[in-house]
Amino acid sequence: MTDVIYLDEYGNTVDDGAEIHELIDGITDMLAAMTKAERLNWFRKSQYPYPINFQTEIDGTVYSVNTHFDSTASESLEEKAERIILKNL
């Protein structure tokens, strides 16, 4: 596994959230070992099946996140994600 160093916007090493970074690194390694078809299948299975709308509070401020999709779009979100993933491989 390649060691990854996380930096803040000033170039300083960041240790906060080491656990999440270890999990992300593990997922990245797992995906890197898969074929294209296996990766796409993994992404399909792990997609969140519910609307991506939520509220969260950070330092006393409540942020509301809402998603909006164009119902007249020529491709679905899944098709768009797959096109982007395949393009960047």
C-alpha atoms as a PDB file:
ATOM      1  CA  MET A   1       0.000   0.000   0.000  1.00  0.00           C
ATOM      2  CA  THR A   2       1.220   3.491  -0.822  1.00  0.00           C
ATOM      3  CA  ASP A   3       1.376   5.898   2.103  1.00  0.00           C
ATOM      4  CA  VAL A   4      -0.846   8.910   1.599  1.00  0.00           C
ATOM      5  CA  ILE A   5      -0.160  12.191   3.356  1.00  0.00           C
ATOM      6  CA  TYR A   6      -3.173  14.439   3.831  1.00  0.00           C
ATOM      7  CA  LEU A   7      -2.510  18.177   3.708  1.00  0.00           C
ATOM      8  CA  ASP A   8      -4.613  21.187   4.587  1.00  0.00           C
ATOM      9  CA  GLU A   9      -4.987  24.216   2.315  1.00  0.00           C
ATOM     10  CA  TYR A  10      -1.653  25.574   3.639  1.00  0.00           C
ATOM     11  CA  GLY A  11       0.311  22.383   2.974  1.00  0.00           C
ATOM     12  CA  ASN A  12       0.459  21.301   6.621  1.00  0.00           C
ATOM     13  CA  THR A  13       0.106  17.614   7.461  1.00  0.00           C
ATOM     14  CA  VAL A  14      -3.336  16.767   8.861  1.00  0.00           C
ATOM     15  CA  ASP A  15      -3.803  13.977  11.411  1.00  0.00           C
ATOM     16  CA  ASP A  16      -7.461  14.655  12.222  1.00  0.00           C
ATOM     17  CA  GLY A  17      -9.754  11.861  11.155  1.00  0.00           C
ATOM     18  CA  ALA A  18      -6.995   9.265  10.801  1.00  0.00           C
ATOM     19  CA  GLU A  19      -9.564   6.492  11.173  1.00  0.00           C
ATOM     20  CA  ILE A  20     -11.653   7.696   8.241  1.00  0.00           C
ATOM     21  CA  HIS A  21      -8.530   8.103   6.135  1.00  0.00           C
ATOM     22  CA  GLU A  22      -7.547   4.507   6.904  1.00  0.00           C
ATOM     23  CA  LEU A  23     -11.014   3.349   5.827  1.00  0.00           C
ATOM     24  CA  ILE A  24     -10.810   5.394   2.613  1.00  0.00           C
ATOM     25  CA  ASP A  25      -7.335   4.011   1.891  1.00  0.00           C
ATOM     26  CA  GLY A  26      -8.649   0.465   2.407  1.00  0.00           C
ATOM     27  CA  ILE A  27     -11.538   1.050   0.000  1.00  0.00           C
ATOM     28  CA  THR A  28      -9.171   2.648  -2.518  1.00  0.00           C
ATOM     29  CA  ASP A  29      -6.836  -0.359  -2.354  1.00  0.00           C
ATOM     30  CA  MET A  30      -9.765  -2.751  -2.724  1.00  0.00           C
ATOM     31  CA  LEU A  31     -11.097  -0.867  -5.772  1.00  0.00           C
ATOM     32  CA  ALA A  32      -7.641  -0.667  -7.341  1.00  0.00           C
ATOM     33  CA  ALA A  33      -7.418  -4.472  -7.263  1.00  0.00           C
ATOM     34  CA  MET A  34     -10.756  -4.874  -9.079  1.00  0.00           C
ATOM     35  CA  THR A  35     -11.469  -5.000 -12.792  1.00  0.00           C
ATOM     36  CA  LYS A  36     -13.525  -2.207 -14.364  1.00  0.00           C
ATOM     37  CA  ALA A  37     -16.630  -4.380 -14.332  1.00  0.00           C
ATOM     38  CA  GLU A  38     -16.124  -5.324 -10.673  1.00  0.00           C
ATOM     39  CA  ARG A  39     -15.668  -1.651  -9.700  1.00  0.00           C
ATOM     40  CA  LEU A  40     -18.822  -0.587 -11.520  1.00  0.00           C
ATOM     41  CA  ASN A  41     -20.750  -3.423  -9.889  1.00  0.00           C
ATOM     42  CA  TRP A  42     -19.399  -2.398  -6.464  1.00  0.00           C
ATOM     43  CA  PHE A  43     -20.480   1.223  -7.033  1.00  0.00           C
ATOM     44  CA  ARG A  44     -23.960   0.100  -8.149  1.00  0.00           C
ATOM     45  CA  LYS A  45     -24.371  -2.008  -4.998  1.00  0.00           C
ATOM     46  CA  SER A  46     -23.102   0.730  -2.684  1.00  0.00           C
ATOM     47  CA  GLN A  47     -25.166   3.620  -4.010  1.00  0.00           C
ATOM     48  CA  TYR A  48     -27.374   5.277  -1.431  1.00  0.00           C
ATOM     49  CA  PRO A  49     -30.946   4.313  -2.425  1.00  0.00           C
ATOM     50  CA  TYR A  50     -32.669   7.283  -0.773  1.00  0.00           C
ATOM     51  CA  PRO A  51     -32.822  10.972  -1.711  1.00  0.00           C
ATOM     52  CA  ILE A  52     -29.667  12.849  -0.843  1.00  0.00           C
ATOM     53  CA  ASN A  53     -31.345  15.536   1.278  1.00  0.00           C
ATOM     54  CA  PHE A  54     -30.262  16.204   4.843  1.00  0.00           C
ATOM     55  CA  GLN A  55     -29.616  18.809   7.499  1.00  0.00           C
ATOM     56  CA  THR A  56     -26.531  18.988   9.676  1.00  0.00           C
ATOM     57  CA  GLU A  57     -25.348  21.406  12.325  1.00  0.00           C
ATOM     58  CA  ILE A  58     -21.771  22.644  12.362  1.00  0.00           C
ATOM     59  CA  ASP A  59     -20.660  25.094  15.049  1.00  0.00           C
ATOM     60  CA  GLY A  60     -24.224  26.203  15.753  1.00  0.00           C
ATOM     61  CA  THR A  61     -25.148  26.761  12.105  1.00  0.00           C
ATOM     62  CA  VAL A  62     -27.685  24.421  10.511  1.00  0.00           C
ATOM     63  CA  TYR A  63     -26.915  23.557   6.898  1.00  0.00           C
ATOM     64  CA  SER A  64     -29.639  22.113   4.685  1.00  0.00           C
ATOM     65  CA  VAL A  65     -28.504  20.079   1.686  1.00  0.00           C
ATOM     66  CA  ASN A  66     -31.043  19.328  -1.034  1.00  0.00           C
ATOM     67  CA  THR A  67     -30.522  17.624  -4.355  1.00  0.00           C
ATOM     68  CA  HIS A  68     -32.259  18.499  -7.570  1.00  0.00           C
ATOM     69  CA  PHE A  69     -32.244  16.402 -10.722  1.00  0.00           C
ATOM     70  CA  ASP A  70     -33.366  17.327 -14.211  1.00  0.00           C
ATOM     71  CA  SER A  71     -36.232  14.995 -15.105  1.00  0.00           C
ATOM     72  CA  THR A  72     -35.669  15.748 -18.799  1.00  0.00           C
ATOM     73  CA  ALA A  73     -31.972  14.791 -18.734  1.00  0.00           C
ATOM     74  CA  SER A  74     -30.770  12.504 -21.510  1.00  0.00           C
ATOM     75  CA  GLU A  75     -29.001  10.129 -19.073  1.00  0.00           C
ATOM     76  CA  SER A  76     -29.647   8.909 -15.540  1.00  0.00           C
ATOM     77  CA  LEU A  77     -27.365   9.682 -12.618  1.00  0.00           C
ATOM     78  CA  GLU A  78     -26.092   6.109 -12.803  1.00  0.00           C
ATOM     79  CA  GLU A  79     -25.330   6.427 -16.528  1.00  0.00           C
ATOM     80  CA  LYS A  80     -23.570   9.753 -15.980  1.00  0.00           C
ATOM     81  CA  ALA A  81     -21.458   8.361 -13.112  1.00  0.00           C
ATOM     82  CA  GLU A  82     -20.553   5.304 -15.174  1.00  0.00           C
ATOM     83  CA  ARG A  83     -19.588   7.485 -18.163  1.00  0.00           C
ATOM     84  CA  ILE A  84     -17.361   9.656 -15.960  1.00  0.00           C
ATOM     85  CA  ILE A  85     -15.733   6.658 -14.252  1.00  0.00           C
ATOM     86  CA  LEU A  86     -15.023   4.895 -17.548  1.00  0.00           C
ATOM     87  CA  LYS A  87     -13.714   8.096 -19.127  1.00  0.00           C
ATOM     88  CA  ASN A  88     -11.215   8.617 -16.309  1.00  0.00           C
ATOM     89  CA  LEU A  89      -9.837   5.066 -16.199  1.00  0.00           C
END
